[in-house]
Amino acid sequence: MNLIQTSITSAFSYLIKIVLLFVTNKIIAVYLGPPGIALIGQLQNFINISLTFANGGIGSGLTKYLSEFRDNEEKTKKFISTSTFITLFCSVFVAFFIIIFNKFLAVNLLKDEDFSYLFIIFSFSLIIFAINNLLLNILNGMKEIKKLITINTYANLISFLFSLFLITTYKLHGALISLVTSQSAVFIITLFFVLKSKWFKLKNFIPNYNNETASKLFGFSLMTFTSIFFINFSQIIIRNFIVYNQSVESAGYWQSIVKLSDIYLGFITMTLSIYYLPRLSEIKDKSILKKEIFSGYKIILPALFIMNISIYFLRFFI
């Protein structure tokens, strides 16, 4: 699939995601109001940070090297087995950390010790979260783009139905529980598609740490940790600042605008992660690389411009 095909296919999948996200956020706004939206934002940021550390920050590196060496079975096996070891080790370590500090996290993130049970639930589901992400990164590296987009579409539908039931039944607690458990249900869908892949062999997933392979993967960790940690941590700080200096309602309105931005920019970042990273990794010729990058500019920049203009003219409706 080229960039245009990937963009069109991604657009259809992401259109479904956008509709479901808008409906979900509207339901949250109706049932929970701005304070609920603010708390959900806090927990979502923490989940993003935890998941990055649980995967060792190697997701981009794994996708890159599998795309580069996917025809080399020996190297593919080394990258998958080493990534499995890193993912299991890091996810278990982070899970123990969350269990130990569950009350501290509840008080400082959600302002109520009664929410500590959420972090205990999340600590157990985190390992499944991490393994699910590992499989998705492998699919991306193997350039099984259609399968990856299909999984994302099913994942969005399952997450929506799961969240809808819990929010309407248990209100705020239901919304927060859905955040920390939804990926566990999605893992079953991912596993179903992965088992049908030609590259899938159980022996490849036997944890085996290889120093040379790990050093290549960890070369991407600092970049990943820096971007994910500071983006999410800064949002937590800003949200807390607004709560202390304005109100939790104001923090909820701010979170709503941030979420809106995430939704429409997500189409661009989804296309870049699914198509560009594997594609640029497999290109060896500099002239072809330059051509591929400029062809991306011709598609992505106009699309981004149209989305920005559309939001401006629809600002009162939104």
C-alpha atoms as a PDB file:
ATOM      1  CA  MET A   1       0.000   0.000   0.000  1.00  0.00           C
ATOM      2  CA  ASN A   2       1.275   3.489  -0.861  1.00  0.00           C
ATOM      3  CA  LEU A   3       0.666   6.675   1.134  1.00  0.00           C
ATOM      4  CA  ILE A   4      -2.584   7.559  -0.678  1.00  0.00           C
ATOM      5  CA  GLN A   5      -4.024   4.054  -0.240  1.00  0.00           C
ATOM      6  CA  THR A   6      -2.943   3.989   3.394  1.00  0.00           C
ATOM      7  CA  SER A   7      -4.420   7.453   3.988  1.00  0.00           C
ATOM      8  CA  ILE A   8      -7.773   6.492   2.424  1.00  0.00           C
ATOM      9  CA  THR A   9      -7.972   3.220   4.338  1.00  0.00           C
ATOM     10  CA  SER A  10      -6.856   4.937   7.539  1.00  0.00           C
ATOM     11  CA  ALA A  11      -9.355   7.737   6.904  1.00  0.00           C
ATOM     12  CA  PHE A  12     -12.269   5.291   6.828  1.00  0.00           C
ATOM     13  CA  SER A  13     -11.093   3.623  10.038  1.00  0.00           C
ATOM     14  CA  TYR A  14     -10.385   6.949  11.685  1.00  0.00           C
ATOM     15  CA  LEU A  15     -13.739   8.381  10.585  1.00  0.00           C
ATOM     16  CA  ILE A  16     -15.392   5.600  12.581  1.00  0.00           C
ATOM     17  CA  LYS A  17     -13.086   6.388  15.493  1.00  0.00           C
ATOM     18  CA  ILE A  18     -13.869  10.118  15.330  1.00  0.00           C
ATOM     19  CA  VAL A  19     -17.631   9.504  15.331  1.00  0.00           C
ATOM     20  CA  LEU A  20     -17.327   7.083  18.263  1.00  0.00           C
ATOM     21  CA  LEU A  21     -15.040   9.462  20.176  1.00  0.00           C
ATOM     22  CA  PHE A  22     -17.425  12.379  19.713  1.00  0.00           C
ATOM     23  CA  VAL A  23     -20.378  10.267  20.838  1.00  0.00           C
ATOM     24  CA  THR A  24     -18.410   8.904  23.816  1.00  0.00           C
ATOM     25  CA  ASN A  25     -17.275  12.372  24.877  1.00  0.00           C
ATOM     26  CA  LYS A  26     -20.818  13.701  24.509  1.00  0.00           C
ATOM     27  CA  ILE A  27     -22.104  10.885  26.716  1.00  0.00           C
ATOM     28  CA  ILE A  28     -19.362  11.615  29.253  1.00  0.00           C
ATOM     29  CA  ALA A  29     -20.267  15.323  29.188  1.00  0.00           C
ATOM     30  CA  VAL A  30     -23.960  14.557  29.760  1.00  0.00           C
ATOM     31  CA  TYR A  31     -23.487  11.925  32.470  1.00  0.00           C
ATOM     32  CA  LEU A  32     -20.384  13.262  34.233  1.00  0.00           C
ATOM     33  CA  GLY A  33     -20.015  16.926  33.282  1.00  0.00           C
ATOM     34  CA  PRO A  34     -16.723  18.893  33.120  1.00  0.00           C
ATOM     35  CA  PRO A  35     -15.378  17.488  36.439  1.00  0.00           C
ATOM     36  CA  GLY A  36     -15.687  13.937  35.098  1.00  0.00           C
ATOM     37  CA  ILE A  37     -13.948  14.896  31.864  1.00  0.00           C
ATOM     38  CA  ALA A  38     -11.071  16.398  33.872  1.00  0.00           C
ATOM     39  CA  LEU A  39     -10.595  13.210  35.939  1.00  0.00           C
ATOM     40  CA  ILE A  40     -10.725  11.036  32.835  1.00  0.00           C
ATOM     41  CA  GLY A  41      -8.024  13.232  31.263  1.00  0.00           C
ATOM     42  CA  GLN A  42      -5.817  12.762  34.331  1.00  0.00           C
ATOM     43  CA  LEU A  43      -6.152   8.988  34.248  1.00  0.00           C
ATOM     44  CA  GLN A  44      -5.648   8.811  30.464  1.00  0.00           C
ATOM     45  CA  ASN A  45      -2.382  10.745  30.713  1.00  0.00           C
ATOM     46  CA  PHE A  46      -1.152   8.405  33.433  1.00  0.00           C
ATOM     47  CA  ILE A  47      -2.099   5.362  31.334  1.00  0.00           C
ATOM     48  CA  ASN A  48      -0.156   6.757  28.349  1.00  0.00           C
ATOM     49  CA  ILE A  49       2.962   7.291  30.464  1.00  0.00           C
ATOM     50  CA  SER A  50       2.687   3.869  32.145  1.00  0.00           C
ATOM     51  CA  LEU A  51       2.202   2.047  28.855  1.00  0.00           C
ATOM     52  CA  THR A  52       5.272   3.709  27.341  1.00  0.00           C
ATOM     53  CA  PHE A  53       7.436   2.576  30.257  1.00  0.00           C
ATOM     54  CA  ALA A  54       5.785  -0.868  30.233  1.00  0.00           C
ATOM     55  CA  ASN A  55       6.923  -1.342  26.626  1.00  0.00           C
ATOM     56  CA  GLY A  56      10.402  -0.020  27.389  1.00  0.00           C
ATOM     57  CA  GLY A  57       9.871   2.721  24.782  1.00  0.00           C
ATOM     58  CA  ILE A  58      10.956   0.308  22.040  1.00  0.00           C
ATOM     59  CA  GLY A  59       7.790   0.373  19.916  1.00  0.00           C
ATOM     60  CA  SER A  60       9.133   2.642  17.166  1.00  0.00           C
ATOM     61  CA  GLY A  61      12.457   0.827  17.121  1.00  0.00           C
ATOM     62  CA  LEU A  62      10.778  -2.568  16.789  1.00  0.00           C
ATOM     63  CA  THR A  63       8.622  -1.347  13.896  1.00  0.00           C
ATOM     64  CA  LYS A  64      11.641   0.173  12.167  1.00  0.00           C
ATOM     65  CA  TYR A  65      13.928  -2.860  12.385  1.00  0.00           C
ATOM     66  CA  LEU A  66      11.250  -5.426  11.556  1.00  0.00           C
ATOM     67  CA  SER A  67      10.371  -3.398   8.478  1.00  0.00           C
ATOM     68  CA  GLU A  68      14.048  -3.313   7.531  1.00  0.00           C
ATOM     69  CA  PHE A  69      14.772  -7.023   8.169  1.00  0.00           C
ATOM     70  CA  ARG A  70      11.362  -8.678   7.748  1.00  0.00           C
ATOM     71  CA  ASP A  71      12.747 -10.966   5.010  1.00  0.00           C
ATOM     72  CA  ASN A  72      15.514 -12.150   7.341  1.00  0.00           C
ATOM     73  CA  GLU A  73      13.949 -14.798   9.594  1.00  0.00           C
ATOM     74  CA  GLU A  74      16.898 -15.005  11.989  1.00  0.00           C
ATOM     75  CA  LYS A  75      17.024 -11.261  12.666  1.00  0.00           C
ATOM     76  CA  THR A  76      13.241 -11.079  12.881  1.00  0.00           C
ATOM     77  CA  LYS A  77      13.268 -13.772  15.556  1.00  0.00           C
ATOM     78  CA  LYS A  78      15.953 -11.905  17.554  1.00  0.00           C
ATOM     79  CA  PHE A  79      14.010  -8.634  17.510  1.00  0.00           C
ATOM     80  CA  ILE A  80      10.711 -10.268  18.481  1.00  0.00           C
ATOM     81  CA  SER A  81      12.170 -12.447  21.268  1.00  0.00           C
ATOM     82  CA  THR A  82      14.214  -9.567  22.707  1.00  0.00           C
ATOM     83  CA  SER A  83      11.204  -7.229  22.522  1.00  0.00           C
ATOM     84  CA  THR A  84       9.087  -9.848  24.294  1.00  0.00           C
ATOM     85  CA  PHE A  85      11.654 -10.068  27.109  1.00  0.00           C
ATOM     86  CA  ILE A  86      11.832  -6.270  27.466  1.00  0.00           C
ATOM     87  CA  THR A  87       8.038  -5.894  27.387  1.00  0.00           C
ATOM     88  CA  LEU A  88       7.414  -8.579  30.023  1.00  0.00           C
ATOM     89  CA  PHE A  89      10.186  -7.321  32.310  1.00  0.00           C
ATOM     90  CA  CYS A  90       9.205  -3.639  32.079  1.00  0.00           C
ATOM     91  CA  SER A  91       5.438  -4.215  32.315  1.00  0.00           C
ATOM     92  CA  VAL A  92       5.782  -6.383  35.436  1.00  0.00           C
ATOM     93  CA  PHE A  93       8.129  -3.810  37.011  1.00  0.00           C
ATOM     94  CA  VAL A  94       5.749  -0.904  36.289  1.00  0.00           C
ATOM     95  CA  ALA A  95       2.779  -2.976  37.507  1.00  0.00           C
ATOM     96  CA  PHE A  96       4.491  -3.587  40.880  1.00  0.00           C
ATOM     97  CA  PHE A  97       5.287   0.138  41.137  1.00  0.00           C
ATOM     98  CA  ILE A  98       1.617   1.043  40.560  1.00  0.00           C
ATOM     99  CA  ILE A  99       0.416  -1.508  43.138  1.00  0.00           C
ATOM    100  CA  ILE A 100       2.816  -0.178  45.789  1.00  0.00           C
ATOM    101  CA  PHE A 101       1.899   3.487  45.187  1.00  0.00           C
ATOM    102  CA  ASN A 102      -1.803   3.014  44.355  1.00  0.00           C
ATOM    103  CA  LYS A 103      -3.067   5.292  47.159  1.00  0.00           C
ATOM    104  CA  PHE A 104      -0.475   7.980  46.432  1.00  0.00           C
ATOM    105  CA  LEU A 105      -1.454   7.972  42.751  1.00  0.00           C
ATOM    106  CA  ALA A 106      -5.178   8.103  43.570  1.00  0.00           C
ATOM    107  CA  VAL A 107      -4.766  11.133  45.827  1.00  0.00           C
ATOM    108  CA  ASN A 108      -2.392  13.071  43.571  1.00  0.00           C
ATOM    109  CA  LEU A 109      -4.027  12.300  40.223  1.00  0.00           C
ATOM    110  CA  LEU A 110      -7.719  11.819  41.027  1.00  0.00           C
ATOM    111  CA  LYS A 111      -7.825  13.732  44.348  1.00  0.00           C
ATOM    112  CA  ASP A 112      -9.533  10.880  46.187  1.00  0.00           C
ATOM    113  CA  GLU A 113      -8.030   7.829  47.888  1.00  0.00           C
ATOM    114  CA  ASP A 114     -11.248   5.907  47.157  1.00  0.00           C
ATOM    115  CA  PHE A 115     -10.063   5.633  43.523  1.00  0.00           C
ATOM    116  CA  SER A 116      -7.004   3.599  44.548  1.00  0.00           C
ATOM    117  CA  TYR A 117      -8.730   0.388  43.440  1.00  0.00           C
ATOM    118  CA  LEU A 118      -8.525   1.652  39.823  1.00  0.00           C
ATOM    119  CA  PHE A 119      -4.731   1.582  39.922  1.00  0.00           C
ATOM    120  CA  ILE A 120      -4.722  -1.955  41.325  1.00  0.00           C
ATOM    121  CA  ILE A 121      -6.984  -3.092  38.461  1.00  0.00           C
ATOM    122  CA  PHE A 122      -4.791  -1.238  35.971  1.00  0.00           C
ATOM    123  CA  SER A 123      -1.608  -2.829  37.312  1.00  0.00           C
ATOM    124  CA  PHE A 124      -2.944  -6.272  36.353  1.00  0.00           C
ATOM    125  CA  SER A 125      -4.325  -5.228  32.966  1.00  0.00           C
ATOM    126  CA  LEU A 126      -1.138  -3.280  32.141  1.00  0.00           C
ATOM    127  CA  ILE A 127       0.727  -6.450  31.142  1.00  0.00           C
ATOM    128  CA  ILE A 128      -2.023  -7.269  28.624  1.00  0.00           C
ATOM    129  CA  PHE A 129      -1.943  -3.638  27.437  1.00  0.00           C
ATOM    130  CA  ALA A 130       1.811  -3.944  26.843  1.00  0.00           C
ATOM    131  CA  ILE A 131       1.623  -7.288  25.016  1.00  0.00           C
ATOM    132  CA  ASN A 132      -1.185  -5.932  22.820  1.00  0.00           C
ATOM    133  CA  ASN A 133       0.988  -2.947  21.870  1.00  0.00           C
ATOM    134  CA  LEU A 134       3.905  -5.286  21.166  1.00  0.00           C
ATOM    135  CA  LEU A 135       1.800  -7.309  18.702  1.00  0.00           C
ATOM    136  CA  LEU A 136       0.532  -4.144  16.990  1.00  0.00           C
ATOM    137  CA  ASN A 137       4.097  -2.864  16.559  1.00  0.00           C
ATOM    138  CA  ILE A 138       5.111  -6.199  15.036  1.00  0.00           C
ATOM    139  CA  LEU A 139       2.182  -6.075  12.611  1.00  0.00           C
ATOM    140  CA  ASN A 140       3.205  -2.555  11.624  1.00  0.00           C
ATOM    141  CA  GLY A 141       6.824  -3.598  11.120  1.00  0.00           C
ATOM    142  CA  MET A 142       5.721  -6.551   8.986  1.00  0.00           C
ATOM    143  CA  LYS A 143       3.699  -4.058   6.906  1.00  0.00           C
ATOM    144  CA  GLU A 144       0.408  -5.834   7.468  1.00  0.00           C
ATOM    145  CA  ILE A 145      -1.317  -2.477   7.251  1.00  0.00           C
ATOM    146  CA  LYS A 146      -4.808  -3.682   6.300  1.00  0.00           C
ATOM    147  CA  LYS A 147      -4.818  -6.082   9.228  1.00  0.00           C
ATOM    148  CA  LEU A 148      -3.563  -3.360  11.577  1.00  0.00           C
ATOM    149  CA  ILE A 149      -6.272  -0.925  10.474  1.00  0.00           C
ATOM    150  CA  THR A 150      -8.927  -3.639  10.789  1.00  0.00           C
ATOM    151  CA  ILE A 151      -7.824  -4.355  14.360  1.00  0.00           C
ATOM    152  CA  ASN A 152      -7.934  -0.632  15.182  1.00  0.00           C
ATOM    153  CA  THR A 153     -11.477  -0.413  13.788  1.00  0.00           C
ATOM    154  CA  TYR A 154     -12.697  -3.371  15.855  1.00  0.00           C
ATOM    155  CA  ALA A 155     -10.844  -2.020  18.892  1.00  0.00           C
ATOM    156  CA  ASN A 156     -12.624   1.327  18.604  1.00  0.00           C
ATOM    157  CA  LEU A 157     -16.031  -0.362  18.343  1.00  0.00           C
ATOM    158  CA  ILE A 158     -15.374  -2.642  21.321  1.00  0.00           C
ATOM    159  CA  SER A 159     -14.001   0.217  23.445  1.00  0.00           C
ATOM    160  CA  PHE A 160     -17.049   2.334  22.593  1.00  0.00           C
ATOM    161  CA  LEU A 161     -19.592  -0.351  23.531  1.00  0.00           C
ATOM    162  CA  PHE A 162     -17.611  -1.259  26.652  1.00  0.00           C
ATOM    163  CA  SER A 163     -17.393   2.398  27.733  1.00  0.00           C
ATOM    164  CA  LEU A 164     -21.051   3.073  26.878  1.00  0.00           C
ATOM    165  CA  PHE A 165     -22.244   0.245  29.114  1.00  0.00           C
ATOM    166  CA  LEU A 166     -20.007   1.153  32.065  1.00  0.00           C
ATOM    167  CA  ILE A 167     -20.638   4.915  31.869  1.00  0.00           C
ATOM    168  CA  THR A 168     -24.433   4.607  31.667  1.00  0.00           C
ATOM    169  CA  THR A 169     -24.460   1.958  34.410  1.00  0.00           C
ATOM    170  CA  TYR A 170     -21.824   3.147  36.898  1.00  0.00           C
ATOM    171  CA  LYS A 171     -21.322   6.814  35.885  1.00  0.00           C
ATOM    172  CA  LEU A 172     -17.839   8.184  36.816  1.00  0.00           C
ATOM    173  CA  HIS A 173     -16.500   4.934  38.275  1.00  0.00           C
ATOM    174  CA  GLY A 174     -17.646   3.089  35.152  1.00  0.00           C
ATOM    175  CA  ALA A 175     -15.882   5.568  32.857  1.00  0.00           C
ATOM    176  CA  LEU A 176     -12.634   5.238  34.789  1.00  0.00           C
ATOM    177  CA  ILE A 177     -12.869   1.429  34.938  1.00  0.00           C
ATOM    178  CA  SER A 178     -13.373   1.305  31.153  1.00  0.00           C
ATOM    179  CA  LEU A 179     -10.132   3.257  30.680  1.00  0.00           C
ATOM    180  CA  VAL A 180      -8.041   0.807  32.685  1.00  0.00           C
ATOM    181  CA  THR A 181      -9.593  -2.392  31.312  1.00  0.00           C
ATOM    182  CA  SER A 182     -10.783  -1.846  27.714  1.00  0.00           C
ATOM    183  CA  GLN A 183      -7.470  -2.888  26.130  1.00  0.00           C
ATOM    184  CA  SER A 184      -7.763  -6.287  27.775  1.00  0.00           C
ATOM    185  CA  ALA A 185     -10.839  -7.020  25.642  1.00  0.00           C
ATOM    186  CA  VAL A 186      -9.125  -5.594  22.545  1.00  0.00           C
ATOM    187  CA  PHE A 187      -6.198  -7.993  23.064  1.00  0.00           C
ATOM    188  CA  ILE A 188      -8.425 -10.927  22.099  1.00  0.00           C
ATOM    189  CA  ILE A 189      -9.159  -9.287  18.728  1.00  0.00           C
ATOM    190  CA  THR A 190      -5.470  -8.557  18.143  1.00  0.00           C
ATOM    191  CA  LEU A 191      -4.493 -12.121  18.995  1.00  0.00           C
ATOM    192  CA  PHE A 192      -7.164 -13.503  16.636  1.00  0.00           C
ATOM    193  CA  PHE A 193      -5.657 -11.649  13.656  1.00  0.00           C
ATOM    194  CA  VAL A 194      -2.028 -12.191  14.643  1.00  0.00           C
ATOM    195  CA  LEU A 195      -2.461 -15.970  14.865  1.00  0.00           C
ATOM    196  CA  LYS A 196      -3.370 -15.945  11.157  1.00  0.00           C
ATOM    197  CA  SER A 197      -0.167 -14.151  10.132  1.00  0.00           C
ATOM    198  CA  LYS A 198       2.500 -16.143   8.292  1.00  0.00           C
ATOM    199  CA  TRP A 199       5.278 -14.736  10.469  1.00  0.00           C
ATOM    200  CA  PHE A 200       3.618 -15.805  13.735  1.00  0.00           C
ATOM    201  CA  LYS A 201       5.555 -18.602  15.429  1.00  0.00           C
ATOM    202  CA  LEU A 202       5.412 -19.271  19.158  1.00  0.00           C
ATOM    203  CA  LYS A 203       9.158 -19.945  19.298  1.00  0.00           C
ATOM    204  CA  ASN A 204       9.776 -16.329  18.219  1.00  0.00           C
ATOM    205  CA  PHE A 205       8.024 -15.087  21.371  1.00  0.00           C
ATOM    206  CA  ILE A 206      10.127 -17.066  23.831  1.00  0.00           C
ATOM    207  CA  PRO A 207      11.764 -14.253  25.877  1.00  0.00           C
ATOM    208  CA  ASN A 208      15.455 -14.113  25.044  1.00  0.00           C
ATOM    209  CA  TYR A 209      17.530 -11.015  25.777  1.00  0.00           C
ATOM    210  CA  ASN A 210      20.123 -10.231  23.111  1.00  0.00           C
ATOM    211  CA  ASN A 211      22.489  -7.348  23.968  1.00  0.00           C
ATOM    212  CA  GLU A 212      23.140  -6.214  20.403  1.00  0.00           C
ATOM    213  CA  THR A 213      19.457  -6.299  19.454  1.00  0.00           C
ATOM    214  CA  ALA A 214      18.385  -4.613  22.697  1.00  0.00           C
ATOM    215  CA  SER A 215      20.886  -1.773  22.254  1.00  0.00           C
ATOM    216  CA  LYS A 216      19.402  -1.035  18.830  1.00  0.00           C
ATOM    217  CA  LEU A 217      15.872  -1.026  20.233  1.00  0.00           C
ATOM    218  CA  PHE A 218      16.792   1.099  23.263  1.00  0.00           C
ATOM    219  CA  GLY A 219      18.248   3.650  20.860  1.00  0.00           C
ATOM    220  CA  PHE A 220      14.642   4.742  20.324  1.00  0.00           C
ATOM    221  CA  SER A 221      13.620   4.678  23.987  1.00  0.00           C
ATOM    222  CA  LEU A 222      14.906   8.092  25.044  1.00  0.00           C
ATOM    223  CA  MET A 223      13.105   9.780  22.159  1.00  0.00           C
ATOM    224  CA  THR A 224       9.881   7.934  23.000  1.00  0.00           C
ATOM    225  CA  PHE A 225      10.118   8.509  26.761  1.00  0.00           C
ATOM    226  CA  THR A 226      10.856  12.207  26.277  1.00  0.00           C
ATOM    227  CA  SER A 227       7.948  12.893  23.933  1.00  0.00           C
ATOM    228  CA  ILE A 228       5.300  10.741  25.654  1.00  0.00           C
ATOM    229  CA  PHE A 229       6.310  11.559  29.237  1.00  0.00           C
ATOM    230  CA  PHE A 230       6.588  15.328  28.906  1.00  0.00           C
ATOM    231  CA  ILE A 231       3.465  15.729  26.747  1.00  0.00           C
ATOM    232  CA  ASN A 232       1.322  13.778  29.195  1.00  0.00           C
ATOM    233  CA  PHE A 233       3.016  14.984  32.388  1.00  0.00           C
ATOM    234  CA  SER A 234       2.713  18.621  31.306  1.00  0.00           C
ATOM    235  CA  GLN A 235      -1.019  18.106  30.721  1.00  0.00           C
ATOM    236  CA  ILE A 236      -1.375  16.670  34.244  1.00  0.00           C
ATOM    237  CA  ILE A 237       0.444  19.706  35.680  1.00  0.00           C
ATOM    238  CA  ILE A 238      -1.663  22.178  33.664  1.00  0.00           C
ATOM    239  CA  ARG A 239      -4.897  20.417  34.658  1.00  0.00           C
ATOM    240  CA  ASN A 240      -3.890  20.493  38.354  1.00  0.00           C
ATOM    241  CA  PHE A 241      -2.963  24.171  38.042  1.00  0.00           C
ATOM    242  CA  ILE A 242      -6.380  25.001  36.582  1.00  0.00           C
ATOM    243  CA  VAL A 243      -8.140  23.001  39.327  1.00  0.00           C
ATOM    244  CA  TYR A 244      -6.273  24.812  42.125  1.00  0.00           C
ATOM    245  CA  ASN A 245      -6.491  28.310  40.589  1.00  0.00           C
ATOM    246  CA  GLN A 246      -9.859  28.135  38.806  1.00  0.00           C
ATOM    247  CA  SER A 247     -12.074  25.086  39.325  1.00  0.00           C
ATOM    248  CA  VAL A 248     -12.415  21.446  38.334  1.00  0.00           C
ATOM    249  CA  GLU A 249     -15.116  22.552  35.863  1.00  0.00           C
ATOM    250  CA  SER A 250     -12.608  24.835  34.100  1.00  0.00           C
ATOM    251  CA  ALA A 251     -10.142  21.955  33.931  1.00  0.00           C
ATOM    252  CA  GLY A 252     -12.876  19.896  32.288  1.00  0.00           C
ATOM    253  CA  TYR A 253     -13.480  22.524  29.606  1.00  0.00           C
ATOM    254  CA  TRP A 254      -9.748  22.761  28.944  1.00  0.00           C
ATOM    255  CA  GLN A 255      -9.571  18.967  28.649  1.00  0.00           C
ATOM    256  CA  SER A 256     -12.451  19.018  26.137  1.00  0.00           C
ATOM    257  CA  ILE A 257     -10.517  21.359  23.837  1.00  0.00           C
ATOM    258  CA  VAL A 258      -7.361  19.267  24.177  1.00  0.00           C
ATOM    259  CA  LYS A 259      -9.375  16.152  23.303  1.00  0.00           C
ATOM    260  CA  LEU A 260     -10.821  17.862  20.235  1.00  0.00           C
ATOM    261  CA  SER A 261      -7.306  18.698  19.081  1.00  0.00           C
ATOM    262  CA  ASP A 262      -6.160  15.109  19.678  1.00  0.00           C
ATOM    263  CA  ILE A 263      -9.054  13.750  17.630  1.00  0.00           C
ATOM    264  CA  TYR A 264      -8.480  15.707  14.431  1.00  0.00           C
ATOM    265  CA  LEU A 265      -4.677  15.557  14.598  1.00  0.00           C
ATOM    266  CA  GLY A 266      -4.932  11.822  15.214  1.00  0.00           C
ATOM    267  CA  PHE A 267      -5.657  11.206  11.539  1.00  0.00           C
ATOM    268  CA  ILE A 268      -2.271  12.671  10.589  1.00  0.00           C
ATOM    269  CA  THR A 269      -0.305  10.878  13.324  1.00  0.00           C
ATOM    270  CA  MET A 270      -2.061   7.575  12.578  1.00  0.00           C
ATOM    271  CA  THR A 271      -1.071   7.742   8.899  1.00  0.00           C
ATOM    272  CA  LEU A 272       2.504   8.679   9.805  1.00  0.00           C
ATOM    273  CA  SER A 273       2.908   5.825  12.297  1.00  0.00           C
ATOM    274  CA  ILE A 274       1.247   3.171  10.136  1.00  0.00           C
ATOM    275  CA  TYR A 275       2.760   4.057   6.757  1.00  0.00           C
ATOM    276  CA  TYR A 276       5.771   6.332   7.119  1.00  0.00           C
ATOM    277  CA  LEU A 277       7.873   4.659   9.798  1.00  0.00           C
ATOM    278  CA  PRO A 278       7.960   1.235   8.091  1.00  0.00           C
ATOM    279  CA  ARG A 279       8.246   2.770   4.617  1.00  0.00           C
ATOM    280  CA  LEU A 280      11.143   5.107   5.419  1.00  0.00           C
ATOM    281  CA  SER A 281      12.934   2.314   7.286  1.00  0.00           C
ATOM    282  CA  GLU A 282      13.028   0.043   4.236  1.00  0.00           C
ATOM    283  CA  ILE A 283      14.290   2.729   1.799  1.00  0.00           C
ATOM    284  CA  LYS A 284      18.047   2.588   1.185  1.00  0.00           C
ATOM    285  CA  ASP A 285      18.385   5.150  -1.631  1.00  0.00           C
ATOM    286  CA  LYS A 286      18.549   8.827  -0.523  1.00  0.00           C
ATOM    287  CA  SER A 287      16.864  10.150  -3.672  1.00  0.00           C
ATOM    288  CA  ILE A 288      13.901   7.782  -3.174  1.00  0.00           C
ATOM    289  CA  LEU A 289      13.779   8.775   0.498  1.00  0.00           C
ATOM    290  CA  LYS A 290      13.604  12.478  -0.401  1.00  0.00           C
ATOM    291  CA  LYS A 291      10.916  11.796  -3.008  1.00  0.00           C
ATOM    292  CA  GLU A 292       8.840   9.819  -0.474  1.00  0.00           C
ATOM    293  CA  ILE A 293       9.052  12.612   2.106  1.00  0.00           C
ATOM    294  CA  PHE A 294       8.001  15.325  -0.364  1.00  0.00           C
ATOM    295  CA  SER A 295       5.138  13.189  -1.659  1.00  0.00           C
ATOM    296  CA  GLY A 296       3.964  12.996   1.941  1.00  0.00           C
ATOM    297  CA  TYR A 297       4.061  16.780   2.305  1.00  0.00           C
ATOM    298  CA  LYS A 298       1.817  17.128  -0.760  1.00  0.00           C
ATOM    299  CA  ILE A 299      -0.880  15.000   0.875  1.00  0.00           C
ATOM    300  CA  ILE A 300      -0.551  15.632   4.604  1.00  0.00           C
ATOM    301  CA  LEU A 301      -0.190  19.434   4.643  1.00  0.00           C
ATOM    302  CA  PRO A 302      -3.298  20.139   2.498  1.00  0.00           C
ATOM    303  CA  ALA A 303      -5.297  17.646   4.590  1.00  0.00           C
ATOM    304  CA  LEU A 304      -4.191  19.361   7.787  1.00  0.00           C
ATOM    305  CA  PHE A 305      -5.030  22.785   6.322  1.00  0.00           C
ATOM    306  CA  ILE A 306      -8.545  21.647   5.343  1.00  0.00           C
ATOM    307  CA  MET A 307      -9.174  20.235   8.829  1.00  0.00           C
ATOM    308  CA  ASN A 308      -7.989  23.448  10.502  1.00  0.00           C
ATOM    309  CA  ILE A 309     -10.169  25.624   8.267  1.00  0.00           C
ATOM    310  CA  SER A 310     -13.173  23.347   8.816  1.00  0.00           C
ATOM    311  CA  ILE A 311     -12.836  23.599  12.595  1.00  0.00           C
ATOM    312  CA  TYR A 312     -12.559  27.391  12.349  1.00  0.00           C
ATOM    313  CA  PHE A 313     -15.766  27.786  10.336  1.00  0.00           C
ATOM    314  CA  LEU A 314     -17.611  25.205  12.465  1.00  0.00           C
ATOM    315  CA  ARG A 315     -16.357  26.655  15.751  1.00  0.00           C
ATOM    316  CA  PHE A 316     -19.776  27.871  16.952  1.00  0.00           C
ATOM    317  CA  PHE A 317     -21.443  24.558  16.117  1.00  0.00           C
ATOM    318  CA  ILE A 318     -18.656  22.641  17.873  1.00  0.00           C
END
